[in-house]
Amino acid sequence: MDPSERKLVEQAREFSQDFDQLVFQAIDLDSMRPQSESKPMLNQFLNQNKVSVKSLRDFKKTARELIEKCRIKSNIHPLLADHTFREAERFLEIIDLFEASMQKK
């Protein structure tokens, strides 16, 4: 985002902080193995990730649409905006696959 798009830049910073916290939680879970490998703990962590990624995906979708319609100032190409949106979509698919594999066990 262009720095003059202050509201969007602030939202992006909030997402960054949210995902930093998720990384710290993942590190904590890893350090608590094998106790942290219980289904309830992993489900809670996956749910937190899913909520955060869905919010991020929606933000990226909105940003992509605004960039494509030239309604915001942006330093990135519309194809890059689309790519980052699709990355978020793919990560949600990976979470779903992991949840499905946990249900089988």
Foldseek 3Di string as FASTA:
>chain_A
DPVVVPVLVVVVVVLVVLVVVLVVVVVVLVVPPPVCVDPVNVVVSLVSVLVSLVVVLVSLVVVLVCVVVVVDDDPDDSVVSVVVSVVSVVVNVVSVVVVVVVVVD
